[in-house]
Protein backbone atom coordinates (compact mmCIF):
# COMPACT_ATOMS: atom_id res chain seq x y z
CA MET A 1 9.09 14.57 -5.00
CA ASP A 2 6.41 14.88 -2.91
CA THR A 3 4.96 11.31 -2.08
CA LEU A 4 1.95 12.34 -0.07
CA LYS A 5 0.67 14.57 -3.22
CA ILE A 6 0.90 11.23 -5.18
CA ILE A 7 -0.76 9.48 -2.55
CA LYS A 8 -3.76 11.84 -2.27
CA LYS A 9 -4.42 11.50 -5.93
CA TYR A 10 -5.34 8.15 -5.48
CA TYR A 11 -6.48 8.12 -1.50
CA LYS A 12 -9.14 10.21 0.33
CA GLU A 13 -6.90 12.33 2.68
CA ASN A 14 -7.63 11.14 6.45
CA SER A 15 -9.62 8.35 5.44
CA ASP A 16 -9.03 5.04 7.45
CA LEU A 17 -7.31 3.64 4.38
CA TYR A 18 -5.50 6.58 4.01
CA ASN A 19 -4.17 6.70 7.39
CA LEU A 20 -3.50 3.27 7.50
CA LEU A 21 -1.28 3.38 4.24
CA ILE A 22 0.56 6.52 5.57
CA LEU A 23 1.45 5.05 8.99
CA HIS A 24 2.51 1.75 7.52
CA SER A 25 4.65 3.74 4.92
CA GLN A 26 6.69 5.68 7.48
CA ALA A 27 7.55 2.80 9.67
CA VAL A 28 8.55 0.96 6.72
CA THR A 29 10.64 4.17 5.30
CA LYS A 30 12.20 4.52 8.84
CA LYS A 31 13.04 1.06 8.68
CA ALA A 32 14.36 0.90 5.25
CA LEU A 33 16.77 4.10 5.99
CA GLU A 34 18.02 2.40 9.19
CA ILE A 35 18.99 -0.47 7.19
CA ALA A 36 20.43 1.33 4.45
CA LYS A 37 22.79 3.30 6.92
CA ASN A 38 23.88 -0.10 8.46
CA VAL A 39 25.57 -0.63 4.89
CA PRO A 40 27.26 2.51 3.77
CA LYS A 41 29.89 0.21 1.59
CA LEU A 42 26.82 -0.69 -0.59
CA LYS A 43 25.79 3.05 -1.18
CA PRO A 44 22.14 2.75 -1.25
CA ASP A 45 20.27 5.72 -2.85
CA LEU A 46 18.64 7.48 0.39
CA LYS A 47 16.47 9.87 -1.08
CA TYR A 48 15.27 7.04 -3.68
CA ILE A 49 14.85 4.40 -0.85
CA LYS A 50 12.78 7.11 0.90
CA GLU A 51 10.58 7.91 -1.83
CA ALA A 52 9.85 4.40 -3.01
CA ALA A 53 9.28 3.02 0.69
CA MET A 54 6.61 5.75 0.94
CA LEU A 55 4.94 4.56 -2.19
CA HIS A 56 5.74 0.90 -1.99
CA ASP A 57 2.07 -0.06 -1.25
CA ILE A 58 0.27 2.35 -3.28
CA GLY A 59 -1.90 -0.35 -5.22
CA ILE A 60 -3.40 -1.70 -2.24
CA PHE A 61 -6.62 0.28 -2.70
CA LEU A 62 -7.58 -1.72 -5.94
CA THR A 63 -7.61 -4.72 -3.94
CA ASN A 64 -10.46 -6.71 -2.05
CA ALA A 65 -8.98 -6.64 1.47
CA PRO A 66 -12.30 -5.35 3.60
CA GLU A 67 -10.49 -5.61 6.99
CA LEU A 68 -8.21 -2.96 5.52
CA ASP A 69 -10.83 -0.79 3.83
CA CYS A 70 -9.86 -1.99 0.64
CA PHE A 71 -12.59 -2.49 -1.51
CA GLY A 72 -11.25 -2.80 -5.07
CA GLU A 73 -11.94 -6.16 -7.36
CA LYS A 74 -8.14 -7.99 -7.12
CA SER A 75 -6.77 -10.19 -4.85
CA TYR A 76 -4.68 -8.74 -2.23
CA ILE A 77 -1.54 -10.13 -3.55
CA CYS A 78 -2.18 -8.29 -6.72
CA HIS A 79 -1.12 -5.07 -4.84
CA GLY A 80 2.08 -5.12 -6.22
CA TYR A 81 1.77 -5.34 -9.86
CA LEU A 82 -0.97 -2.92 -9.37
CA GLY A 83 1.04 -0.34 -7.68
CA ARG A 84 3.79 -0.96 -10.39
CA GLU A 85 0.84 0.15 -12.83
CA VAL A 86 -0.17 3.24 -10.82
CA LEU A 87 3.23 4.62 -10.73
CA GLU A 88 4.24 3.93 -14.42
CA LYS A 89 1.50 6.21 -15.09
CA GLU A 90 3.05 8.93 -12.86
CA GLY A 91 6.43 8.31 -14.72
CA LEU A 92 7.93 6.74 -11.85
CA LEU A 93 9.21 3.64 -13.62
CA ARG A 94 12.23 2.76 -10.97
CA HIS A 95 9.76 3.33 -7.87
CA ALA A 96 7.29 1.18 -9.69
CA LEU A 97 9.65 -1.62 -10.16
CA VAL A 98 9.77 -1.70 -5.92
CA CYS A 99 6.08 -1.96 -5.66
CA GLU A 100 5.92 -5.27 -7.86
CA ARG A 101 8.76 -6.46 -6.27
CA HIS A 102 8.28 -5.92 -2.63
CA THR A 103 5.63 -8.42 -1.99
CA GLY A 104 6.57 -11.64 0.21
CA ILE A 105 10.02 -11.70 -0.24
CA GLY A 106 9.75 -11.73 -3.51
CA ILE A 107 7.64 -13.79 -5.93
CA SER A 108 9.30 -15.96 -8.71
CA VAL A 109 7.62 -17.29 -11.93
CA ASP A 110 7.92 -20.49 -10.31
CA ASP A 111 6.14 -19.34 -7.18
CA ILE A 112 3.23 -17.94 -9.35
CA LYS A 113 2.95 -21.25 -11.23
CA LYS A 114 3.06 -23.38 -8.28
CA GLU A 115 0.54 -21.65 -6.05
CA LYS A 116 -1.54 -20.49 -8.97
CA LEU A 117 -1.66 -16.77 -8.34
CA PRO A 118 -3.52 -14.42 -10.14
CA LEU A 119 -0.30 -12.56 -11.33
CA PRO A 120 1.28 -11.84 -14.55
CA LEU A 121 3.69 -14.42 -15.46
CA ARG A 122 6.99 -12.88 -14.52
CA ASP A 123 9.52 -12.67 -11.77
CA MET A 124 8.71 -10.24 -9.44
CA LEU A 125 11.87 -10.25 -7.07
CA PRO A 126 13.77 -7.66 -5.56
CA VAL A 127 17.22 -6.67 -7.84
CA SER A 128 18.64 -3.48 -6.80
CA VAL A 129 20.08 -3.09 -3.37
CA GLU A 130 17.19 -0.25 -2.42
CA GLU A 131 14.48 -3.10 -3.68
CA LYS A 132 16.07 -5.53 -1.47
CA ILE A 133 16.42 -3.00 1.51
CA ILE A 134 12.61 -1.83 1.00
CA CYS A 135 11.31 -5.49 0.60
CA LEU A 136 13.38 -6.35 4.29
CA ALA A 137 11.99 -3.33 6.19
CA ASP A 138 8.57 -3.88 4.85
CA LYS A 139 8.64 -7.64 6.52
CA PHE A 140 9.11 -5.74 9.93
CA PHE A 141 5.47 -4.47 10.09
CA SER A 142 2.07 -5.83 9.25
CA LYS A 143 -0.85 -3.49 7.80
CA ASN A 144 -3.01 -5.27 10.73
CA LYS A 145 -4.70 -2.07 12.25
CA THR A 146 -3.87 -3.31 15.89
CA GLY A 147 0.10 -3.88 15.26
CA LEU A 148 0.16 -0.98 12.45
CA VAL A 149 3.72 0.46 13.69
CA LYS A 150 4.66 -2.65 16.31
CA GLU A 151 7.84 -3.79 14.77
CA LYS A 152 7.89 -7.68 14.32
CA SER A 153 10.83 -9.98 15.86
CA LEU A 154 13.06 -11.98 13.36
CA ASP A 155 11.35 -14.89 14.61
CA GLU A 156 7.89 -13.67 13.98
CA ILE A 157 8.95 -12.84 10.25
CA ARG A 158 10.23 -16.08 10.16
CA SER A 159 7.43 -17.94 11.26
CA SER A 160 5.07 -15.99 9.09
CA HIS A 161 7.50 -16.85 5.95
CA GLN A 162 7.51 -20.73 6.77
CA LYS A 163 4.05 -21.45 5.64
CA PHE A 164 5.39 -20.60 2.22
CA GLY A 165 8.41 -22.64 2.39
CA GLU A 166 11.76 -23.27 3.59
CA GLU A 167 13.45 -21.21 0.92
CA LYS A 168 11.30 -17.99 1.33
CA VAL A 169 12.85 -18.49 5.22
CA ALA A 170 16.28 -19.11 3.84
CA ALA A 171 16.06 -15.71 1.29
CA PHE A 172 14.78 -13.64 4.34
CA ASN A 173 17.87 -14.94 6.19
CA LYS A 174 19.96 -14.04 2.99
CA LEU A 175 18.85 -10.62 3.26
CA LEU A 176 19.55 -10.56 7.18
CA ARG A 177 23.59 -11.49 6.05
CA GLU A 178 23.29 -9.03 3.06
CA PHE A 179 22.38 -5.97 4.92
CA GLU A 180 24.51 -7.18 8.02
CA ILE A 181 21.35 -7.32 10.46
CA LYS A 182 22.48 -9.32 13.30
CA GLU A 183 19.98 -11.23 15.61
CA ASP A 184 21.13 -9.51 18.69
CA ILE A 185 21.03 -5.65 17.22
CA LEU A 186 17.26 -5.80 17.04
């Protein structure tokens, strides 16, 4: 599968947004493959991870995030389910789920109700090994233009999730344990 060909259908090649998406997606892909190779006993599908990680944020162009050069109509939190819709139209149903399920440490129906999020009322939590790996890898990188490929520390990630509650930090820590990521190997 040519993921760049798919991205180029929706993003103007070499535009600021295209470059931001590509750099971020490449960093997440590299990290996801590192995590996957750390747990061969879980038999993660490396080809699928490589493809889905490159496409996980394809929906950002439909959101309103001017700091990222996104001038769509929806709130940024919507980029996951919007990306799912884009990839479903491409016939990539399994890849589409990664788009929807990678945001935060996943978003539950309870989160949507409690926070009054502008999202469809359904669980958007990573389920498969590959979805969890990509979700985790994504946490290590922001789309901040100045720190696009700078890997965050575990403490920085925990701190950024703290504002969403202790259960989100606990979910992050659970993923670290599931994929055997130790504090001292980063």
